[in-house]
C-alpha atoms as a PDB file:
ATOM      1  CA  MET A   1     -11.064 -67.293 112.660  1.00  0.00           C
ATOM      2  CA  ASN A   2     -11.177 -67.124 116.455  1.00  0.00           C
ATOM      3  CA  VAL A   3      -9.149 -69.293 118.821  1.00  0.00           C
ATOM      4  CA  ASN A   4     -12.019 -71.766 119.383  1.00  0.00           C
ATOM      5  CA  GLN A   5     -12.378 -72.283 115.639  1.00  0.00           C
ATOM      6  CA  VAL A   6      -8.628 -72.769 115.240  1.00  0.00           C
ATOM      7  CA  LEU A   7      -8.541 -75.302 118.085  1.00  0.00           C
ATOM      8  CA  ALA A   8     -11.552 -77.185 116.691  1.00  0.00           C
ATOM      9  CA  ARG A   9     -10.008 -77.250 113.220  1.00  0.00           C
ATOM     10  CA  ALA A  10      -6.659 -78.459 114.589  1.00  0.00           C
ATOM     11  CA  PHE A  11      -8.359 -81.168 116.661  1.00  0.00           C
ATOM     12  CA  ALA A  12     -10.492 -82.324 113.729  1.00  0.00           C
ATOM     13  CA  SER A  13      -7.467 -82.371 111.440  1.00  0.00           C
ATOM     14  CA  VAL A  14      -5.378 -84.483 113.812  1.00  0.00           C
ATOM     15  CA  VAL A  15      -8.208 -86.909 114.592  1.00  0.00           C
ATOM     16  CA  VAL A  16      -9.164 -87.373 110.960  1.00  0.00           C
ATOM     17  CA  SER A  17      -5.538 -87.792 109.909  1.00  0.00           C
ATOM     18  CA  ILE A  18      -5.070 -90.525 112.512  1.00  0.00           C
ATOM     19  CA  ASP A  19      -8.421 -92.111 111.624  1.00  0.00           C
ATOM     20  CA  LEU A  20      -7.651 -92.243 107.910  1.00  0.00           C
ATOM     21  CA  THR A  21      -4.104 -93.528 108.345  1.00  0.00           C
ATOM     22  CA  ASP A  22      -3.509 -97.123 107.332  1.00  0.00           C
ATOM     23  CA  ASP A  23      -3.426 -99.574 110.254  1.00  0.00           C
ATOM     24  CA  ASP A  24       0.104-100.564 109.169  1.00  0.00           C
ATOM     25  CA  ASP A  25       1.263 -96.993 109.788  1.00  0.00           C
ATOM     26  CA  ILE A  26      -0.448 -96.408 113.150  1.00  0.00           C
ATOM     27  CA  ASP A  27      -1.502 -99.306 115.321  1.00  0.00           C
ATOM     28  CA  PRO A  28      -5.260 -98.945 116.014  1.00  0.00           C
ATOM     29  CA  ASP A  29      -4.724 -99.549 119.746  1.00  0.00           C
ATOM     30  CA  ILE A  30      -2.150 -96.772 119.908  1.00  0.00           C
ATOM     31  CA  ALA A  31      -4.442 -94.449 117.942  1.00  0.00           C
ATOM     32  CA  THR A  32      -7.214 -95.139 120.461  1.00  0.00           C
ATOM     33  CA  ASP A  33      -4.820 -94.508 123.355  1.00  0.00           C
ATOM     34  CA  ILE A  34      -3.950 -91.136 121.805  1.00  0.00           C
ATOM     35  CA  LEU A  35      -7.472 -90.023 120.940  1.00  0.00           C
ATOM     36  CA  GLU A  36      -9.595 -91.338 123.802  1.00  0.00           C
ATOM     37  CA  PRO A  37      -8.297 -88.907 126.469  1.00  0.00           C
ATOM     38  CA  ALA A  38      -8.908 -85.949 124.150  1.00  0.00           C
ATOM     39  CA  ALA A  39     -12.418 -87.171 123.309  1.00  0.00           C
ATOM     40  CA  ALA A  40     -13.148 -87.487 127.038  1.00  0.00           C
ATOM     41  CA  PHE A  41     -12.642 -83.739 127.482  1.00  0.00           C
ATOM     42  CA  PHE A  42     -15.497 -83.121 125.048  1.00  0.00           C
ATOM     43  CA  ARG A  43     -17.786 -85.581 126.813  1.00  0.00           C
ATOM     44  CA  ASP A  44     -17.184 -83.715 130.082  1.00  0.00           C
ATOM     45  CA  LEU A  45     -18.702 -80.551 128.604  1.00  0.00           C
ATOM     46  CA  SER A  46     -22.175 -79.371 129.504  1.00  0.00           C
ATOM     47  CA  GLU A  47     -24.928 -80.012 126.981  1.00  0.00           C
ATOM     48  CA  GLU A  48     -24.497 -76.451 125.716  1.00  0.00           C
ATOM     49  CA  GLY A  49     -20.733 -76.954 125.430  1.00  0.00           C
ATOM     50  CA  ARG A  50     -21.213 -80.188 123.472  1.00  0.00           C
ATOM     51  CA  ARG A  51     -23.581 -78.382 121.094  1.00  0.00           C
ATOM     52  CA  GLU A  52     -21.038 -75.601 120.612  1.00  0.00           C
ATOM     53  CA  ALA A  53     -18.208 -78.094 120.035  1.00  0.00           C
ATOM     54  CA  THR A  54     -20.373 -79.985 117.542  1.00  0.00           C
ATOM     55  CA  SER A  55     -21.155 -76.749 115.721  1.00  0.00           C
ATOM     56  CA  LEU A  56     -17.459 -75.854 115.526  1.00  0.00           C
ATOM     57  CA  ILE A  57     -16.559 -79.319 114.217  1.00  0.00           C
ATOM     58  CA  LEU A  58     -19.307 -79.136 111.580  1.00  0.00           C
ATOM     59  CA  GLN A  59     -17.947 -75.734 110.517  1.00  0.00           C
ATOM     60  CA  CYS A  60     -14.593 -77.456 110.002  1.00  0.00           C
ATOM     61  CA  ALA A  61     -16.283 -79.971 107.712  1.00  0.00           C
ATOM     62  CA  GLU A  62     -17.683 -77.106 105.623  1.00  0.00           C
ATOM     63  CA  MET A  63     -14.136 -75.824 105.056  1.00  0.00           C
ATOM     64  CA  GLU A  64     -12.779 -79.231 104.000  1.00  0.00           C
ATOM     65  CA  ASP A  65     -12.296 -79.808 100.265  1.00  0.00           C
ATOM     66  CA  ASN A  66     -11.328 -83.487 100.431  1.00  0.00           C
ATOM     67  CA  PRO A  67     -14.563 -85.550 100.373  1.00  0.00           C
ATOM     68  CA  GLU A  68     -13.141 -88.403 102.474  1.00  0.00           C
ATOM     69  CA  ARG A  69     -11.846 -86.046 105.152  1.00  0.00           C
ATOM     70  CA  LYS A  70     -15.097 -84.040 105.051  1.00  0.00           C
ATOM     71  CA  ARG A  71     -17.146 -87.200 105.665  1.00  0.00           C
ATOM     72  CA  ALA A  72     -14.873 -88.187 108.556  1.00  0.00           C
ATOM     73  CA  ILE A  73     -15.188 -84.737 110.125  1.00  0.00           C
ATOM     74  CA  LEU A  74     -18.980 -84.835 109.786  1.00  0.00           C
ATOM     75  CA  GLU A  75     -18.957 -88.147 111.686  1.00  0.00           C
ATOM     76  CA  LEU A  76     -16.571 -86.867 114.365  1.00  0.00           C
ATOM     77  CA  PRO A  77     -19.093 -85.536 116.938  1.00  0.00           C
ATOM     78  CA  GLU A  78     -20.814 -88.916 117.093  1.00  0.00           C
ATOM     79  CA  ALA A  79     -17.491 -90.782 117.005  1.00  0.00           C
ATOM     80  CA  ILE A  80     -16.177 -88.955 120.066  1.00  0.00           C
ATOM     81  CA  GLY A  81     -19.475 -89.358 121.887  1.00  0.00           C
ATOM     82  CA  ILE A  82     -20.700 -85.794 122.194  1.00  0.00           C
ATOM     83  CA  LEU A  83     -23.976 -86.262 120.325  1.00  0.00           C
ATOM     84  CA  ASP A  84     -25.386 -89.261 122.126  1.00  0.00           C
ATOM     85  CA  GLU A  85     -25.210 -87.870 125.667  1.00  0.00           C
ATOM     86  CA  SER A  86     -27.954 -85.562 126.904  1.00  0.00           C
END
């Protein structure tokens, strides 16, 4: 696994863990405050960069055994806004 794959997997893992955490454990507003700046970095990428990031995130989903986490990872590119910008 190269460094980009490791970083994508780490990012996906953290985001999905926060996303799937009960609202009583992590306040949704705080979770948004944590994740929004990171998501903004992805939205600042070129179209090619967003495609590459999406591909890396989808590769992470392929490696995930937990169905709930896999589904959340598959939804991640759209959730962070890198699919809907062209």
